[in-house]
Structure formats: structure tokens, C-alpha cells
PDB file of N, CA and C in Angstrom:
ATOM      1  N   MET A   1      59.292  68.117  23.569  1.00  0.00           N
ATOM      2  CA  MET A   1      58.971  66.599  23.039  1.00  0.00           C
ATOM      3  C   MET A   1      58.674  65.789  24.337  1.00  0.00           C
ATOM      4  N   ARG A   2      59.281  66.139  25.433  1.00  0.00           N
ATOM      5  CA  ARG A   2      59.088  65.422  26.689  1.00  0.00           C
ATOM      6  C   ARG A   2      57.477  65.646  27.085  1.00  0.00           C
ATOM      7  N   GLU A   3      57.102  66.821  27.002  1.00  0.00           N
ATOM      8  CA  GLU A   3      55.628  67.039  27.547  1.00  0.00           C
ATOM      9  C   GLU A   3      54.662  66.348  26.455  1.00  0.00           C
ATOM     10  N   MET A   4      54.937  66.314  25.242  1.00  0.00           N
ATOM     11  CA  MET A   4      54.288  65.503  24.239  1.00  0.00           C
ATOM     12  C   MET A   4      54.278  64.074  24.628  1.00  0.00           C
ATOM     13  N   LEU A   5      55.190  63.333  25.140  1.00  0.00           N
ATOM     14  CA  LEU A   5      55.288  62.201  25.420  1.00  0.00           C
ATOM     15  C   LEU A   5      54.441  61.790  26.616  1.00  0.00           C
ATOM     16  N   VAL A   6      54.397  62.712  27.493  1.00  0.00           N
ATOM     17  CA  VAL A   6      53.487  62.501  28.572  1.00  0.00           C
ATOM     18  C   VAL A   6      52.088  62.329  28.205  1.00  0.00           C
ATOM     19  N   THR A   7      51.795  63.363  27.444  1.00  0.00           N
ATOM     20  CA  THR A   7      50.352  63.269  26.714  1.00  0.00           C
ATOM     21  C   THR A   7      49.903  61.997  26.077  1.00  0.00           C
ATOM     22  N   TYR A   8      51.078  61.748  25.167  1.00  0.00           N
ATOM     23  CA  TYR A   8      51.028  60.487  24.316  1.00  0.00           C
ATOM     24  C   TYR A   8      50.809  59.155  25.230  1.00  0.00           C
ATOM     25  N   ARG A   9      51.459  59.072  26.318  1.00  0.00           N
ATOM     26  CA  ARG A   9      51.286  57.740  27.095  1.00  0.00           C
ATOM     27  C   ARG A   9      50.023  57.713  27.716  1.00  0.00           C
ATOM     28  N   LYS A  10      49.290  58.996  28.110  1.00  0.00           N
ATOM     29  CA  LYS A  10      47.977  58.906  28.524  1.00  0.00           C
ATOM     30  C   LYS A  10      46.909  58.574  27.504  1.00  0.00           C
ATOM     31  N   LEU A  11      47.227  59.096  26.414  1.00  0.00           N
ATOM     32  CA  LEU A  11      46.191  58.579  25.219  1.00  0.00           C
ATOM     33  C   LEU A  11      46.422  57.303  24.665  1.00  0.00           C
ATOM     34  N   ASP A  12      47.626  56.703  24.677  1.00  0.00           N
ATOM     35  CA  ASP A  12      47.862  55.315  24.237  1.00  0.00           C
ATOM     36  C   ASP A  12      48.695  54.607  24.964  1.00  0.00           C
ATOM     37  N   PRO A  13      48.157  54.167  26.194  1.00  0.00           N
ATOM     38  CA  PRO A  13      48.988  53.375  27.218  1.00  0.00           C
ATOM     39  C   PRO A  13      49.606  52.064  26.506  1.00  0.00           C
ATOM     40  N   ASN A  14      48.844  51.469  25.579  1.00  0.00           N
ATOM     41  CA  ASN A  14      49.331  50.187  25.153  1.00  0.00           C
ATOM     42  C   ASN A  14      50.667  50.452  24.130  1.00  0.00           C
ATOM     43  N   ASP A  15      50.627  51.460  23.213  1.00  0.00           N
ATOM     44  CA  ASP A  15      51.539  51.826  22.329  1.00  0.00           C
ATOM     45  C   ASP A  15      52.208  50.459  21.648  1.00  0.00           C
ATOM     46  N   ILE A  16      51.280  49.744  20.925  1.00  0.00           N
ATOM     47  CA  ILE A  16      51.848  48.518  20.302  1.00  0.00           C
ATOM     48  C   ILE A  16      52.991  48.772  19.175  1.00  0.00           C
ATOM     49  N   ASP A  17      52.880  49.852  18.736  1.00  0.00           N
ATOM     50  CA  ASP A  17      53.980  50.226  17.608  1.00  0.00           C
ATOM     51  C   ASP A  17      55.306  50.833  18.232  1.00  0.00           C
ATOM     52  N   LYS A  18      55.177  50.857  19.585  1.00  0.00           N
ATOM     53  CA  LYS A  18      56.559  51.512  20.109  1.00  0.00           C
ATOM     54  C   LYS A  18      56.907  52.856  19.776  1.00  0.00           C
ATOM     55  N   ASN A  19      56.019  53.620  19.305  1.00  0.00           N
ATOM     56  CA  ASN A  19      56.316  54.986  18.911  1.00  0.00           C
ATOM     57  C   ASN A  19      56.792  55.871  20.182  1.00  0.00           C
ATOM     58  N   GLN A  20      56.263  55.545  21.304  1.00  0.00           N
ATOM     59  CA  GLN A  20      56.716  56.335  22.402  1.00  0.00           C
ATOM     60  C   GLN A  20      58.045  56.157  22.705  1.00  0.00           C
ATOM     61  N   LEU A  21      58.536  54.966  22.534  1.00  0.00           N
ATOM     62  CA  LEU A  21      59.909  54.583  22.804  1.00  0.00           C
ATOM     63  C   LEU A  21      60.815  55.256  21.691  1.00  0.00           C
ATOM     64  N   GLY A  22      60.353  55.283  20.380  1.00  0.00           N
ATOM     65  CA  GLY A  22      61.118  56.019  19.362  1.00  0.00           C
ATOM     66  C   GLY A  22      61.247  57.429  19.598  1.00  0.00           C
ATOM     67  N   TYR A  23      60.224  58.176  19.908  1.00  0.00           N
ATOM     68  CA  TYR A  23      60.183  59.524  20.399  1.00  0.00           C
ATOM     69  C   TYR A  23      61.115  59.900  21.630  1.00  0.00           C
ATOM     70  N   GLU A  24      61.121  58.923  22.564  1.00  0.00           N
ATOM     71  CA  GLU A  24      62.081  58.955  23.736  1.00  0.00           C
ATOM     72  C   GLU A  24      63.457  58.908  23.378  1.00  0.00           C
ATOM     73  N   VAL A  25      63.793  57.978  22.393  1.00  0.00           N
ATOM     74  CA  VAL A  25      65.078  57.778  21.963  1.00  0.00           C
ATOM     75  C   VAL A  25      65.557  59.108  21.256  1.00  0.00           C
ATOM     76  N   ILE A  26      64.567  59.572  20.471  1.00  0.00           N
ATOM     77  CA  ILE A  26      65.123  60.890  19.608  1.00  0.00           C
ATOM     78  C   ILE A  26      65.227  62.063  20.655  1.00  0.00           C
ATOM     79  N   ALA A  27      64.532  62.170  21.654  1.00  0.00           N
ATOM     80  CA  ALA A  27      64.569  63.296  22.643  1.00  0.00           C
ATOM     81  C   ALA A  27      65.826  63.065  23.443  1.00  0.00           C
ATOM     82  N   ASP A  28      66.272  61.843  23.687  1.00  0.00           N
ATOM     83  CA  ASP A  28      67.533  61.444  24.397  1.00  0.00           C
ATOM     84  C   ASP A  28      68.732  61.930  23.591  1.00  0.00           C
ATOM     85  N   CYS A  29      68.734  61.622  22.132  1.00  0.00           N
ATOM     86  CA  CYS A  29      69.806  61.916  21.373  1.00  0.00           C
ATOM     87  C   CYS A  29      69.881  63.521  21.351  1.00  0.00           C
ATOM     88  N   ILE A  30      68.924  64.203  21.283  1.00  0.00           N
ATOM     89  CA  ILE A  30      68.850  65.699  21.137  1.00  0.00           C
ATOM     90  C   ILE A  30      69.327  66.217  22.561  1.00  0.00           C
ATOM     91  N   GLU A  31      68.804  65.826  23.679  1.00  0.00           N
ATOM     92  CA  GLU A  31      69.166  66.395  24.948  1.00  0.00           C
ATOM     93  C   GLU A  31      70.440  65.823  25.520  1.00  0.00           C
ATOM     94  N   PHE A  32      70.673  64.507  25.342  1.00  0.00           N
ATOM     95  CA  PHE A  32      71.859  63.946  26.030  1.00  0.00           C
ATOM     96  C   PHE A  32      72.688  63.099  24.968  1.00  0.00           C
ATOM     97  N   PRO A  33      73.255  63.785  23.996  1.00  0.00           N
ATOM     98  CA  PRO A  33      74.167  63.308  23.214  1.00  0.00           C
ATOM     99  C   PRO A  33      75.207  62.458  23.822  1.00  0.00           C
ATOM    100  N   GLY A  34      75.437  61.225  23.326  1.00  0.00           N
ATOM    101  CA  GLY A  34      76.675  60.478  23.919  1.00  0.00           C
ATOM    102  C   GLY A  34      76.606  58.924  23.675  1.00  0.00           C
ATOM    103  N   GLU A  35      77.448  58.164  24.286  1.00  0.00           N
ATOM    104  CA  GLU A  35      77.138  56.799  23.995  1.00  0.00           C
ATOM    105  C   GLU A  35      76.022  56.234  24.455  1.00  0.00           C
ATOM    106  N   SER A  36      75.387  56.561  25.678  1.00  0.00           N
ATOM    107  CA  SER A  36      74.350  55.935  26.227  1.00  0.00           C
ATOM    108  C   SER A  36      73.056  56.082  25.290  1.00  0.00           C
ATOM    109  N   SER A  37      72.823  57.304  24.643  1.00  0.00           N
ATOM    110  CA  SER A  37      71.815  57.530  23.765  1.00  0.00           C
ATOM    111  C   SER A  37      71.832  56.962  22.464  1.00  0.00           C
ATOM    112  N   LEU A  38      73.145  57.020  22.001  1.00  0.00           N
ATOM    113  CA  LEU A  38      73.531  56.297  20.775  1.00  0.00           C
ATOM    114  C   LEU A  38      73.211  54.724  20.727  1.00  0.00           C
ATOM    115  N   ALA A  39      73.642  54.110  21.935  1.00  0.00           N
ATOM    116  CA  ALA A  39      73.384  52.856  22.121  1.00  0.00           C
ATOM    117  C   ALA A  39      71.738  52.557  22.153  1.00  0.00           C
ATOM    118  N   ALA A  40      70.961  53.312  22.755  1.00  0.00           N
ATOM    119  CA  ALA A  40      69.565  53.086  22.849  1.00  0.00           C
ATOM    120  C   ALA A  40      69.057  53.201  21.314  1.00  0.00           C
ATOM    121  N   ALA A  41      69.767  54.264  20.682  1.00  0.00           N
ATOM    122  CA  ALA A  41      69.306  54.466  19.392  1.00  0.00           C
ATOM    123  C   ALA A  41      69.455  53.276  18.490  1.00  0.00           C
ATOM    124  N   HIS A  42      70.610  52.677  18.589  1.00  0.00           N
ATOM    125  CA  HIS A  42      70.996  51.438  17.850  1.00  0.00           C
ATOM    126  C   HIS A  42      70.045  50.350  18.174  1.00  0.00           C
ATOM    127  N   ALA A  43      69.807  50.238  19.494  1.00  0.00           N
ATOM    128  CA  ALA A  43      68.913  49.183  19.907  1.00  0.00           C
ATOM    129  C   ALA A  43      67.385  49.244  19.236  1.00  0.00           C
ATOM    130  N   PHE A  44      66.971  50.542  19.230  1.00  0.00           N
ATOM    131  CA  PHE A  44      65.604  50.829  18.716  1.00  0.00           C
ATOM    132  C   PHE A  44      65.758  50.598  17.288  1.00  0.00           C
ATOM    133  N   TYR A  45      66.703  51.032  16.509  1.00  0.00           N
ATOM    134  CA  TYR A  45      66.852  50.902  14.957  1.00  0.00           C
ATOM    135  C   TYR A  45      66.928  49.496  14.697  1.00  0.00           C
ATOM    136  N   ASP A  46      67.604  48.617  15.408  1.00  0.00           N
ATOM    137  CA  ASP A  46      67.879  47.136  15.077  1.00  0.00           C
ATOM    138  C   ASP A  46      66.593  46.428  15.379  1.00  0.00           C
ATOM    139  N   THR A  47      65.726  46.755  16.513  1.00  0.00           N
ATOM    140  CA  THR A  47      64.654  45.929  16.744  1.00  0.00           C
ATOM    141  C   THR A  47      63.384  46.332  16.252  1.00  0.00           C
ATOM    142  N   GLN A  48      63.284  47.523  15.710  1.00  0.00           N
ATOM    143  CA  GLN A  48      61.943  48.123  15.506  1.00  0.00           C
ATOM    144  C   GLN A  48      61.921  48.453  13.954  1.00  0.00           C
ATOM    145  N   GLY A  49      62.124  47.266  13.188  1.00  0.00           N
ATOM    146  CA  GLY A  49      62.197  47.394  11.730  1.00  0.00           C
ATOM    147  C   GLY A  49      60.872  48.029  11.106  1.00  0.00           C
ATOM    148  N   HIS A  50      59.778  47.922  11.699  1.00  0.00           N
ATOM    149  CA  HIS A  50      58.421  48.355  11.206  1.00  0.00           C
ATOM    150  C   HIS A  50      58.252  49.676  11.445  1.00  0.00           C
ATOM    151  N   SER A  51      59.122  50.389  12.267  1.00  0.00           N
ATOM    152  CA  SER A  51      58.656  51.722  12.770  1.00  0.00           C
ATOM    153  C   SER A  51      58.935  52.754  11.681  1.00  0.00           C
ATOM    154  N   ALA A  52      58.123  53.752  11.584  1.00  0.00           N
ATOM    155  CA  ALA A  52      58.156  54.827  10.770  1.00  0.00           C
ATOM    156  C   ALA A  52      59.171  55.823  11.351  1.00  0.00           C
ATOM    157  N   LEU A  53      59.495  55.666  12.473  1.00  0.00           N
ATOM    158  CA  LEU A  53      60.495  56.555  13.253  1.00  0.00           C
ATOM    159  C   LEU A  53      61.860  56.286  13.019  1.00  0.00           C
ATOM    160  N   ARG A  54      62.161  55.063  12.359  1.00  0.00           N
ATOM    161  CA  ARG A  54      63.536  54.614  12.193  1.00  0.00           C
ATOM    162  C   ARG A  54      64.245  55.869  11.467  1.00  0.00           C
ATOM    163  N   ARG A  55      63.691  56.255  10.342  1.00  0.00           N
ATOM    164  CA  ARG A  55      64.300  57.361   9.666  1.00  0.00           C
ATOM    165  C   ARG A  55      64.814  58.486  10.406  1.00  0.00           C
ATOM    166  N   PHE A  56      63.858  58.862  11.454  1.00  0.00           N
ATOM    167  CA  PHE A  56      64.253  59.950  12.155  1.00  0.00           C
ATOM    168  C   PHE A  56      65.222  59.678  13.213  1.00  0.00           C
ATOM    169  N   VAL A  57      65.369  58.540  13.879  1.00  0.00           N
ATOM    170  CA  VAL A  57      66.351  58.151  14.744  1.00  0.00           C
ATOM    171  C   VAL A  57      67.737  58.137  13.972  1.00  0.00           C
ATOM    172  N   ARG A  58      67.618  57.537  12.718  1.00  0.00           N
ATOM    173  CA  ARG A  58      68.879  57.482  11.895  1.00  0.00           C
ATOM    174  C   ARG A  58      69.422  58.908  11.702  1.00  0.00           C
ATOM    175  N   ARG A  59      68.534  59.902  11.259  1.00  0.00           N
ATOM    176  CA  ARG A  59      68.922  61.227  10.947  1.00  0.00           C
ATOM    177  C   ARG A  59      69.434  61.891  12.231  1.00  0.00           C
ATOM    178  N   ILE A  60      68.704  61.945  13.352  1.00  0.00           N
ATOM    179  CA  ILE A  60      68.916  62.644  14.416  1.00  0.00           C
ATOM    180  C   ILE A  60      69.976  62.126  15.190  1.00  0.00           C
ATOM    181  N   CYS A  61      70.079  60.662  15.418  1.00  0.00           N
ATOM    182  CA  CYS A  61      70.889  60.259  16.437  1.00  0.00           C
ATOM    183  C   CYS A  61      72.396  59.797  15.688  1.00  0.00           C
ATOM    184  N   PHE A  62      72.217  59.145  14.462  1.00  0.00           N
ATOM    185  CA  PHE A  62      73.316  58.562  13.850  1.00  0.00           C
ATOM    186  C   PHE A  62      73.987  59.775  13.017  1.00  0.00           C
ATOM    187  N   GLU A  63      73.219  60.346  12.215  1.00  0.00           N
ATOM    188  CA  GLU A  63      73.910  61.321  11.267  1.00  0.00           C
ATOM    189  C   GLU A  63      74.403  62.530  11.971  1.00  0.00           C
ATOM    190  N   ASN A  64      73.725  62.815  12.990  1.00  0.00           N
ATOM    191  CA  ASN A  64      74.192  64.077  13.866  1.00  0.00           C
ATOM    192  C   ASN A  64      74.948  63.816  15.060  1.00  0.00           C
ATOM    193  N   SER A  65      75.531  62.687  15.145  1.00  0.00           N
ATOM    194  CA  SER A  65      76.335  62.222  16.253  1.00  0.00           C
ATOM    195  C   SER A  65      77.796  62.863  16.219  1.00  0.00           C
ATOM    196  N   ASN A  66      78.152  63.519  15.501  1.00  0.00           N
ATOM    197  CA  ASN A  66      79.644  63.951  15.196  1.00  0.00           C
ATOM    198  C   ASN A  66      79.762  64.914  16.405  1.00  0.00           C
TER     199      ASN A  66
END
């Protein structure tokens, strides 16, 4: 996923929809589970109400945080 983000940033440097941030949050929850990644996930979820990635953040970061 990290390699995909590098390519994505090159293809869409403006990223007005904040998809890159969403994918980075998801990758952090998978690679580095804990308080820091969970806090970033909550911040993304709370501020990016329009994002289609919210459901994946919820599923991967919140529902699997046990």
C-alpha cells in the first residue's frame, strides 16, 4: 500500500479529496496499530465526512483495534 501511495502522490499531487491521507491512515492502522494510528484515524473520520474511505477506516482501524 505504501508503494501505491508514492505512485498516487505523483499522479495526483493536489489530492483535493484527501484520498492519499485516507490510504495512509489505513496503512498506519495495519502496520502500526496503537493509540497514535487510532487517533489519526479518528481525526480523518471526523473531518472527512465526504470521503468514501471512511467506511474502510472504520472497518480496519476501529472495528479491528482490539
